[in-house]
Amino acid sequence: RSVLFLTAKLFDPLGWLAPNIISAKIAIQSTWLQGLDWDTPLDDAFARQWQAFQKELSLLKEIRVPRWIGLTISTAVVEVHGFADAFERA
């Protein structure tokens, strides 16, 4: 229940946290595939994995994305490129 609760609290309208949120959703799927009930305690391996995820999640507040891109009147063409890495199980 707490895994789902924390995952549902993640708000990311622009998709910046998608790699991290996908990890949480995979964790939820894993518990479902194991057939665990809502309040069944997690096994030690999964609990360690979930604690590591929570620790990583707390580090996200350190990320800063500058928004100024230096456009001037003489700028003719602007291109924005985004790169991502596919996650094996997502």
PDB file of N, CA and C in Angstrom:
ATOM      1  N   ARG A   1       0.822  -1.186   0.000  1.00  0.00           N
ATOM      2  CA  ARG A   1       0.000   0.000   0.000  1.00  0.00           C
ATOM      3  C   ARG A   1       0.869   1.254   0.000  1.00  0.00           C
ATOM      4  N   SER A   2       1.931   1.252   0.783  1.00  0.00           N
ATOM      5  CA  SER A   2       2.786   2.442   0.848  1.00  0.00           C
ATOM      6  C   SER A   2       3.536   2.671  -0.466  1.00  0.00           C
ATOM      7  N   VAL A   3       3.858   1.596  -1.190  1.00  0.00           N
ATOM      8  CA  VAL A   3       4.514   1.738  -2.492  1.00  0.00           C
ATOM      9  C   VAL A   3       3.595   2.481  -3.452  1.00  0.00           C
ATOM     10  N   LEU A   4       2.353   2.069  -3.523  1.00  0.00           N
ATOM     11  CA  LEU A   4       1.388   2.730  -4.398  1.00  0.00           C
ATOM     12  C   LEU A   4       1.120   4.156  -3.935  1.00  0.00           C
ATOM     13  N   PHE A   5       1.032   4.372  -2.632  1.00  0.00           N
ATOM     14  CA  PHE A   5       0.754   5.699  -2.089  1.00  0.00           C
ATOM     15  C   PHE A   5       1.838   6.694  -2.500  1.00  0.00           C
ATOM     16  N   LEU A   6       3.094   6.307  -2.337  1.00  0.00           N
ATOM     17  CA  LEU A   6       4.185   7.215  -2.694  1.00  0.00           C
ATOM     18  C   LEU A   6       4.227   7.460  -4.199  1.00  0.00           C
ATOM     19  N   THR A   7       4.013   6.424  -4.983  1.00  0.00           N
ATOM     20  CA  THR A   7       4.039   6.569  -6.437  1.00  0.00           C
ATOM     21  C   THR A   7       2.918   7.480  -6.919  1.00  0.00           C
ATOM     22  N   ALA A   8       1.755   7.371  -6.325  1.00  0.00           N
ATOM     23  CA  ALA A   8       0.620   8.206  -6.726  1.00  0.00           C
ATOM     24  C   ALA A   8       0.855   9.675  -6.386  1.00  0.00           C
ATOM     25  N   LYS A   9       1.705   9.958  -5.413  1.00  0.00           N
ATOM     26  CA  LYS A   9       1.985  11.337  -5.021  1.00  0.00           C
ATOM     27  C   LYS A   9       2.946  12.043  -5.973  1.00  0.00           C
ATOM     28  N   LEU A  10       3.606  11.306  -6.841  1.00  0.00           N
ATOM     29  CA  LEU A  10       4.576  11.912  -7.752  1.00  0.00           C
ATOM     30  C   LEU A  10       3.842  12.697  -8.831  1.00  0.00           C
ATOM     31  N   PHE A  11       4.111  13.988  -8.901  1.00  0.00           N
ATOM     32  CA  PHE A  11       3.457  14.872  -9.868  1.00  0.00           C
ATOM     33  C   PHE A  11       4.510  15.363 -10.843  1.00  0.00           C
ATOM     34  N   ASP A  12       4.332  15.041 -12.105  1.00  0.00           N
ATOM     35  CA  ASP A  12       5.330  15.377 -13.116  1.00  0.00           C
ATOM     36  C   ASP A  12       4.646  15.720 -14.436  1.00  0.00           C
ATOM     37  N   PRO A  13       4.017  16.898 -14.523  1.00  0.00           N
ATOM     38  CA  PRO A  13       3.257  17.228 -15.728  1.00  0.00           C
ATOM     39  C   PRO A  13       4.115  17.374 -16.989  1.00  0.00           C
ATOM     40  N   LEU A  14       5.394  17.686 -16.848  1.00  0.00           N
ATOM     41  CA  LEU A  14       6.249  17.864 -18.021  1.00  0.00           C
ATOM     42  C   LEU A  14       7.058  16.624 -18.378  1.00  0.00           C
ATOM     43  N   GLY A  15       6.989  15.592 -17.550  1.00  0.00           N
ATOM     44  CA  GLY A  15       7.687  14.351 -17.853  1.00  0.00           C
ATOM     45  C   GLY A  15       9.162  14.334 -17.508  1.00  0.00           C
ATOM     46  N   TRP A  16       9.630  15.301 -16.736  1.00  0.00           N
ATOM     47  CA  TRP A  16      11.047  15.364 -16.367  1.00  0.00           C
ATOM     48  C   TRP A  16      11.449  14.185 -15.479  1.00  0.00           C
ATOM     49  N   LEU A  17      10.519  13.682 -14.711  1.00  0.00           N
ATOM     50  CA  LEU A  17      10.830  12.600 -13.768  1.00  0.00           C
ATOM     51  C   LEU A  17      10.472  11.225 -14.312  1.00  0.00           C
ATOM     52  N   ALA A  18      10.115  11.149 -15.566  1.00  0.00           N
ATOM     53  CA  ALA A  18       9.628   9.896 -16.145  1.00  0.00           C
ATOM     54  C   ALA A  18      10.537   8.695 -15.878  1.00  0.00           C
ATOM     55  N   PRO A  19      11.854   8.808 -16.015  1.00  0.00           N
ATOM     56  CA  PRO A  19      12.689   7.625 -15.732  1.00  0.00           C
ATOM     57  C   PRO A  19      12.532   7.124 -14.296  1.00  0.00           C
ATOM     58  N   ASN A  20      12.382   8.033 -13.352  1.00  0.00           N
ATOM     59  CA  ASN A  20      12.213   7.633 -11.959  1.00  0.00           C
ATOM     60  C   ASN A  20      10.812   7.101 -11.700  1.00  0.00           C
ATOM     61  N   ILE A  21       9.821   7.728 -12.273  1.00  0.00           N
ATOM     62  CA  ILE A  21       8.444   7.290 -12.067  1.00  0.00           C
ATOM     63  C   ILE A  21       8.227   5.906 -12.679  1.00  0.00           C
ATOM     64  N   ILE A  22       8.860   5.651 -13.809  1.00  0.00           N
ATOM     65  CA  ILE A  22       8.739   4.329 -14.428  1.00  0.00           C
ATOM     66  C   ILE A  22       9.293   3.257 -13.492  1.00  0.00           C
ATOM     67  N   SER A  23      10.390   3.561 -12.802  1.00  0.00           N
ATOM     68  CA  SER A  23      10.946   2.605 -11.836  1.00  0.00           C
ATOM     69  C   SER A  23       9.928   2.278 -10.750  1.00  0.00           C
ATOM     70  N   ALA A  24       9.222   3.292 -10.274  1.00  0.00           N
ATOM     71  CA  ALA A  24       8.206   3.071  -9.243  1.00  0.00           C
ATOM     72  C   ALA A  24       7.047   2.244  -9.792  1.00  0.00           C
ATOM     73  N   LYS A  25       6.642   2.519 -11.010  1.00  0.00           N
ATOM     74  CA  LYS A  25       5.536   1.763 -11.605  1.00  0.00           C
ATOM     75  C   LYS A  25       5.927   0.307 -11.849  1.00  0.00           C
ATOM     76  N   ILE A  26       7.182   0.083 -12.209  1.00  0.00           N
ATOM     77  CA  ILE A  26       7.662  -1.288 -12.372  1.00  0.00           C
ATOM     78  C   ILE A  26       7.657  -1.998 -11.027  1.00  0.00           C
ATOM     79  N   ALA A  27       7.983  -1.280  -9.966  1.00  0.00           N
ATOM     80  CA  ALA A  27       7.942  -1.867  -8.622  1.00  0.00           C
ATOM     81  C   ALA A  27       6.516  -2.275  -8.264  1.00  0.00           C
ATOM     82  N   ILE A  28       5.546  -1.427  -8.588  1.00  0.00           N
ATOM     83  CA  ILE A  28       4.140  -1.763  -8.330  1.00  0.00           C
ATOM     84  C   ILE A  28       3.748  -2.999  -9.131  1.00  0.00           C
ATOM     85  N   GLN A  29       4.158  -3.037 -10.390  1.00  0.00           N
ATOM     86  CA  GLN A  29       3.846  -4.191 -11.232  1.00  0.00           C
ATOM     87  C   GLN A  29       4.469  -5.464 -10.656  1.00  0.00           C
ATOM     88  N   SER A  30       5.673  -5.342 -10.145  1.00  0.00           N
ATOM     89  CA  SER A  30       6.356  -6.490  -9.554  1.00  0.00           C
ATOM     90  C   SER A  30       5.577  -7.052  -8.367  1.00  0.00           C
ATOM     91  N   THR A  31       5.069  -6.172  -7.514  1.00  0.00           N
ATOM     92  CA  THR A  31       4.283  -6.652  -6.369  1.00  0.00           C
ATOM     93  C   THR A  31       2.998  -7.325  -6.846  1.00  0.00           C
ATOM     94  N   TRP A  32       2.409  -6.786  -7.893  1.00  0.00           N
ATOM     95  CA  TRP A  32       1.180  -7.378  -8.433  1.00  0.00           C
ATOM     96  C   TRP A  32       1.471  -8.759  -9.023  1.00  0.00           C
ATOM     97  N   LEU A  33       2.587  -8.880  -9.766  1.00  0.00           N
ATOM     98  CA  LEU A  33       2.945 -10.164 -10.370  1.00  0.00           C
ATOM     99  C   LEU A  33       3.254 -11.227  -9.317  1.00  0.00           C
ATOM    100  N   GLN A  34       3.731 -10.787  -8.148  1.00  0.00           N
ATOM    101  CA  GLN A  34       3.995 -11.715  -7.051  1.00  0.00           C
ATOM    102  C   GLN A  34       2.712 -12.114  -6.330  1.00  0.00           C
ATOM    103  N   GLY A  35       1.620 -11.438  -6.645  1.00  0.00           N
ATOM    104  CA  GLY A  35       0.342 -11.749  -6.016  1.00  0.00           C
ATOM    105  C   GLY A  35       0.225 -11.246  -4.588  1.00  0.00           C
ATOM    106  N   LEU A  36       0.973 -10.198  -4.259  1.00  0.00           N
ATOM    107  CA  LEU A  36       0.932  -9.665  -2.896  1.00  0.00           C
ATOM    108  C   LEU A  36      -0.347  -8.880  -2.646  1.00  0.00           C
ATOM    109  N   ASP A  37      -0.889  -9.019  -1.453  1.00  0.00           N
ATOM    110  CA  ASP A  37      -2.042  -8.214  -1.055  1.00  0.00           C
ATOM    111  C   ASP A  37      -1.556  -6.826  -0.652  1.00  0.00           C
ATOM    112  N   TRP A  38      -2.525  -5.922  -0.422  1.00  0.00           N
ATOM    113  CA  TRP A  38      -2.204  -4.527  -0.092  1.00  0.00           C
ATOM    114  C   TRP A  38      -1.254  -4.388   1.091  1.00  0.00           C
ATOM    115  N   ASP A  39      -1.512  -5.121   2.131  1.00  0.00           N
ATOM    116  CA  ASP A  39      -0.762  -4.924   3.369  1.00  0.00           C
ATOM    117  C   ASP A  39       0.253  -6.028   3.660  1.00  0.00           C
ATOM    118  N   THR A  40       0.581  -6.822   2.655  1.00  0.00           N
ATOM    119  CA  THR A  40       1.591  -7.857   2.828  1.00  0.00           C
ATOM    120  C   THR A  40       2.967  -7.198   2.918  1.00  0.00           C
ATOM    121  N   PRO A  41       3.749  -7.540   3.931  1.00  0.00           N
ATOM    122  CA  PRO A  41       5.101  -6.963   4.026  1.00  0.00           C
ATOM    123  C   PRO A  41       5.951  -7.364   2.820  1.00  0.00           C
ATOM    124  N   LEU A  42       6.809  -6.466   2.376  1.00  0.00           N
ATOM    125  CA  LEU A  42       7.676  -6.734   1.236  1.00  0.00           C
ATOM    126  C   LEU A  42       8.833  -7.625   1.672  1.00  0.00           C
ATOM    127  N   ASP A  43       9.300  -8.481   0.755  1.00  0.00           N
ATOM    128  CA  ASP A  43      10.472  -9.290   1.096  1.00  0.00           C
ATOM    129  C   ASP A  43      11.702  -8.382   1.208  1.00  0.00           C
ATOM    130  N   ASP A  44      12.758  -8.901   1.799  1.00  0.00           N
ATOM    131  CA  ASP A  44      13.937  -8.081   2.092  1.00  0.00           C
ATOM    132  C   ASP A  44      14.563  -7.467   0.842  1.00  0.00           C
ATOM    133  N   ALA A  45      14.677  -8.256  -0.217  1.00  0.00           N
ATOM    134  CA  ALA A  45      15.307  -7.756  -1.443  1.00  0.00           C
ATOM    135  C   ALA A  45      14.507  -6.598  -2.030  1.00  0.00           C
ATOM    136  N   PHE A  46      13.187  -6.774  -2.096  1.00  0.00           N
ATOM    137  CA  PHE A  46      12.341  -5.719  -2.649  1.00  0.00           C
ATOM    138  C   PHE A  46      12.333  -4.500  -1.734  1.00  0.00           C
ATOM    139  N   ALA A  47      12.325  -4.722  -0.433  1.00  0.00           N
ATOM    140  CA  ALA A  47      12.335  -3.605   0.517  1.00  0.00           C
ATOM    141  C   ALA A  47      13.611  -2.783   0.358  1.00  0.00           C
ATOM    142  N   ARG A  48      14.750  -3.443   0.163  1.00  0.00           N
ATOM    143  CA  ARG A  48      16.013  -2.717  -0.056  1.00  0.00           C
ATOM    144  C   ARG A  48      15.961  -1.924  -1.355  1.00  0.00           C
ATOM    145  N   GLN A  49      15.401  -2.551  -2.399  1.00  0.00           N
ATOM    146  CA  GLN A  49      15.268  -1.878  -3.692  1.00  0.00           C
ATOM    147  C   GLN A  49      14.368  -0.648  -3.552  1.00  0.00           C
ATOM    148  N   TRP A  50      13.281  -0.778  -2.825  1.00  0.00           N
ATOM    149  CA  TRP A  50      12.347   0.332  -2.648  1.00  0.00           C
ATOM    150  C   TRP A  50      12.978   1.447  -1.814  1.00  0.00           C
ATOM    151  N   GLN A  51      13.735   1.090  -0.806  1.00  0.00           N
ATOM    152  CA  GLN A  51      14.422   2.103   0.004  1.00  0.00           C
ATOM    153  C   GLN A  51      15.456   2.854  -0.833  1.00  0.00           C
ATOM    154  N   ALA A  52      16.141   2.148  -1.722  1.00  0.00           N
ATOM    155  CA  ALA A  52      17.103   2.805  -2.616  1.00  0.00           C
ATOM    156  C   ALA A  52      16.383   3.777  -3.544  1.00  0.00           C
ATOM    157  N   PHE A  53      15.206   3.368  -4.043  1.00  0.00           N
ATOM    158  CA  PHE A  53      14.414   4.254  -4.898  1.00  0.00           C
ATOM    159  C   PHE A  53      14.010   5.511  -4.137  1.00  0.00           C
ATOM    160  N   GLN A  54      13.562   5.353  -2.901  1.00  0.00           N
ATOM    161  CA  GLN A  54      13.160   6.509  -2.107  1.00  0.00           C
ATOM    162  C   GLN A  54      14.338   7.448  -1.862  1.00  0.00           C
ATOM    163  N   LYS A  55      15.511   6.890  -1.659  1.00  0.00           N
ATOM    164  CA  LYS A  55      16.701   7.718  -1.459  1.00  0.00           C
ATOM    165  C   LYS A  55      17.016   8.509  -2.730  1.00  0.00           C
ATOM    166  N   GLU A  56      16.951   7.842  -3.884  1.00  0.00           N
ATOM    167  CA  GLU A  56      17.174   8.524  -5.159  1.00  0.00           C
ATOM    168  C   GLU A  56      16.135   9.611  -5.379  1.00  0.00           C
ATOM    169  N   LEU A  57      14.905   9.330  -5.005  1.00  0.00           N
ATOM    170  CA  LEU A  57      13.826  10.292  -5.185  1.00  0.00           C
ATOM    171  C   LEU A  57      14.088  11.563  -4.389  1.00  0.00           C
ATOM    172  N   SER A  58      14.636  11.416  -3.200  1.00  0.00           N
ATOM    173  CA  SER A  58      14.916  12.601  -2.391  1.00  0.00           C
ATOM    174  C   SER A  58      16.030  13.447  -3.007  1.00  0.00           C
ATOM    175  N   LEU A  59      16.878  12.852  -3.844  1.00  0.00           N
ATOM    176  CA  LEU A  59      17.950  13.599  -4.499  1.00  0.00           C
ATOM    177  C   LEU A  59      17.458  14.426  -5.682  1.00  0.00           C
ATOM    178  N   LEU A  60      16.257  14.137  -6.173  1.00  0.00           N
ATOM    179  CA  LEU A  60      15.738  14.855  -7.334  1.00  0.00           C
ATOM    180  C   LEU A  60      15.536  16.340  -7.068  1.00  0.00           C
ATOM    181  N   LYS A  61      15.335  16.705  -5.814  1.00  0.00           N
ATOM    182  CA  LYS A  61      15.124  18.123  -5.514  1.00  0.00           C
ATOM    183  C   LYS A  61      16.376  18.948  -5.790  1.00  0.00           C
ATOM    184  N   GLU A  62      17.522  18.284  -5.945  1.00  0.00           N
ATOM    185  CA  GLU A  62      18.776  18.979  -6.231  1.00  0.00           C
ATOM    186  C   GLU A  62      18.919  19.340  -7.715  1.00  0.00           C
ATOM    187  N   ILE A  63      18.108  18.756  -8.567  1.00  0.00           N
ATOM    188  CA  ILE A  63      18.213  19.002 -10.005  1.00  0.00           C
ATOM    189  C   ILE A  63      17.701  20.399 -10.319  1.00  0.00           C
ATOM    190  N   ARG A  64      18.472  21.122 -11.098  1.00  0.00           N
ATOM    191  CA  ARG A  64      18.079  22.457 -11.536  1.00  0.00           C
ATOM    192  C   ARG A  64      18.115  22.487 -13.061  1.00  0.00           C
ATOM    193  N   VAL A  65      17.091  23.053 -13.663  1.00  0.00           N
ATOM    194  CA  VAL A  65      17.024  23.171 -15.111  1.00  0.00           C
ATOM    195  C   VAL A  65      16.917  24.652 -15.451  1.00  0.00           C
ATOM    196  N   PRO A  66      18.005  25.267 -15.915  1.00  0.00           N
ATOM    197  CA  PRO A  66      17.934  26.675 -16.297  1.00  0.00           C
ATOM    198  C   PRO A  66      16.969  26.848 -17.469  1.00  0.00           C
ATOM    199  N   ARG A  67      16.238  27.931 -17.476  1.00  0.00           N
ATOM    200  CA  ARG A  67      15.223  28.127 -18.507  1.00  0.00           C
ATOM    201  C   ARG A  67      15.602  29.167 -19.560  1.00  0.00           C
ATOM    202  N   TRP A  68      16.569  30.015 -19.296  1.00  0.00           N
ATOM    203  CA  TRP A  68      16.946  31.026 -20.267  1.00  0.00           C
ATOM    204  C   TRP A  68      17.765  30.382 -21.365  1.00  0.00           C
ATOM    205  N   ILE A  69      17.399  30.602 -22.635  1.00  0.00           N
ATOM    206  CA  ILE A  69      18.120  29.969 -23.739  1.00  0.00           C
ATOM    207  C   ILE A  69      18.849  30.975 -24.619  1.00  0.00           C
ATOM    208  N   GLY A  70      18.849  32.232 -24.245  1.00  0.00           N
ATOM    209  CA  GLY A  70      19.665  33.226 -24.927  1.00  0.00           C
ATOM    210  C   GLY A  70      19.191  33.632 -26.304  1.00  0.00           C
ATOM    211  N   LEU A  71      17.911  33.725 -26.512  1.00  0.00           N
ATOM    212  CA  LEU A  71      17.399  34.157 -27.808  1.00  0.00           C
ATOM    213  C   LEU A  71      17.584  35.662 -27.971  1.00  0.00           C
ATOM    214  N   THR A  72      17.918  36.060 -29.173  1.00  0.00           N
ATOM    215  CA  THR A  72      18.010  37.483 -29.497  1.00  0.00           C
ATOM    216  C   THR A  72      17.152  37.745 -30.723  1.00  0.00           C
ATOM    217  N   ILE A  73      17.030  38.993 -31.066  1.00  0.00           N
ATOM    218  CA  ILE A  73      16.218  39.348 -32.242  1.00  0.00           C
ATOM    219  C   ILE A  73      16.827  38.754 -33.507  1.00  0.00           C
ATOM    220  N   SER A  74      18.134  38.635 -33.565  1.00  0.00           N
ATOM    221  CA  SER A  74      18.787  38.116 -34.769  1.00  0.00           C
ATOM    222  C   SER A  74      18.740  36.589 -34.881  1.00  0.00           C
ATOM    223  N   THR A  75      18.200  35.915 -33.895  1.00  0.00           N
ATOM    224  CA  THR A  75      18.120  34.461 -33.948  1.00  0.00           C
ATOM    225  C   THR A  75      17.096  34.044 -34.995  1.00  0.00           C
ATOM    226  N   ALA A  76      17.550  33.304 -35.992  1.00  0.00           N
ATOM    227  CA  ALA A  76      16.663  32.911 -37.085  1.00  0.00           C
ATOM    228  C   ALA A  76      16.003  31.563 -36.822  1.00  0.00           C
ATOM    229  N   VAL A  77      16.761  30.610 -36.324  1.00  0.00           N
ATOM    230  CA  VAL A  77      16.244  29.261 -36.125  1.00  0.00           C
ATOM    231  C   VAL A  77      16.609  28.799 -34.716  1.00  0.00           C
ATOM    232  N   VAL A  78      15.637  28.195 -34.061  1.00  0.00           N
ATOM    233  CA  VAL A  78      15.873  27.640 -32.731  1.00  0.00           C
ATOM    234  C   VAL A  78      15.482  26.174 -32.771  1.00  0.00           C
ATOM    235  N   GLU A  79      16.348  25.306 -32.276  1.00  0.00           N
ATOM    236  CA  GLU A  79      16.053  23.880 -32.205  1.00  0.00           C
ATOM    237  C   GLU A  79      16.233  23.413 -30.775  1.00  0.00           C
ATOM    238  N   VAL A  80      15.320  22.579 -30.313  1.00  0.00           N
ATOM    239  CA  VAL A  80      15.428  21.978 -28.995  1.00  0.00           C
ATOM    240  C   VAL A  80      15.498  20.470 -29.199  1.00  0.00           C
ATOM    241  N   HIS A  81      16.540  19.858 -28.674  1.00  0.00           N
ATOM    242  CA  HIS A  81      16.729  18.418 -28.816  1.00  0.00           C
ATOM    243  C   HIS A  81      16.625  17.761 -27.446  1.00  0.00           C
ATOM    244  N   GLY A  82      15.926  16.661 -27.380  1.00  0.00           N
ATOM    245  CA  GLY A  82      15.818  15.901 -26.133  1.00  0.00           C
ATOM    246  C   GLY A  82      16.326  14.490 -26.355  1.00  0.00           C
ATOM    247  N   PHE A  83      17.006  13.958 -25.364  1.00  0.00           N
ATOM    248  CA  PHE A  83      17.553  12.610 -25.464  1.00  0.00           C
ATOM    249  C   PHE A  83      17.104  11.796 -24.264  1.00  0.00           C
ATOM    250  N   ALA A  84      16.848  10.531 -24.486  1.00  0.00           N
ATOM    251  CA  ALA A  84      16.432   9.649 -23.396  1.00  0.00           C
ATOM    252  C   ALA A  84      16.997   8.257 -23.655  1.00  0.00           C
ATOM    253  N   ASP A  85      17.038   7.485 -22.609  1.00  0.00           N
ATOM    254  CA  ASP A  85      17.521   6.120 -22.708  1.00  0.00           C
ATOM    255  C   ASP A  85      16.347   5.193 -22.417  1.00  0.00           C
ATOM    256  N   ALA A  86      16.119   4.222 -23.283  1.00  0.00           N
ATOM    257  CA  ALA A  86      15.012   3.294 -23.081  1.00  0.00           C
ATOM    258  C   ALA A  86      15.320   2.378 -21.904  1.00  0.00           C
ATOM    259  N   PHE A  87      14.333   2.151 -21.083  1.00  0.00           N
ATOM    260  CA  PHE A  87      14.495   1.278 -19.930  1.00  0.00           C
ATOM    261  C   PHE A  87      14.070  -0.118 -20.353  1.00  0.00           C
ATOM    262  N   GLU A  88      14.858  -1.094 -20.034  1.00  0.00           N
ATOM    263  CA  GLU A  88      14.670  -2.455 -20.524  1.00  0.00           C
ATOM    264  C   GLU A  88      13.272  -3.009 -20.253  1.00  0.00           C
ATOM    265  N   ARG A  89      12.694  -2.739 -19.076  1.00  0.00           N
ATOM    266  CA  ARG A  89      11.410  -3.347 -18.713  1.00  0.00           C
ATOM    267  C   ARG A  89      10.236  -2.391 -18.842  1.00  0.00           C
ATOM    268  N   ALA A  90      10.435  -1.211 -19.398  1.00  0.00           N
ATOM    269  CA  ALA A  90       9.332  -0.242 -19.492  1.00  0.00           C
ATOM    270  C   ALA A  90       8.791  -0.180 -20.898  1.00  0.00           C
TER     271      ALA A  90
END
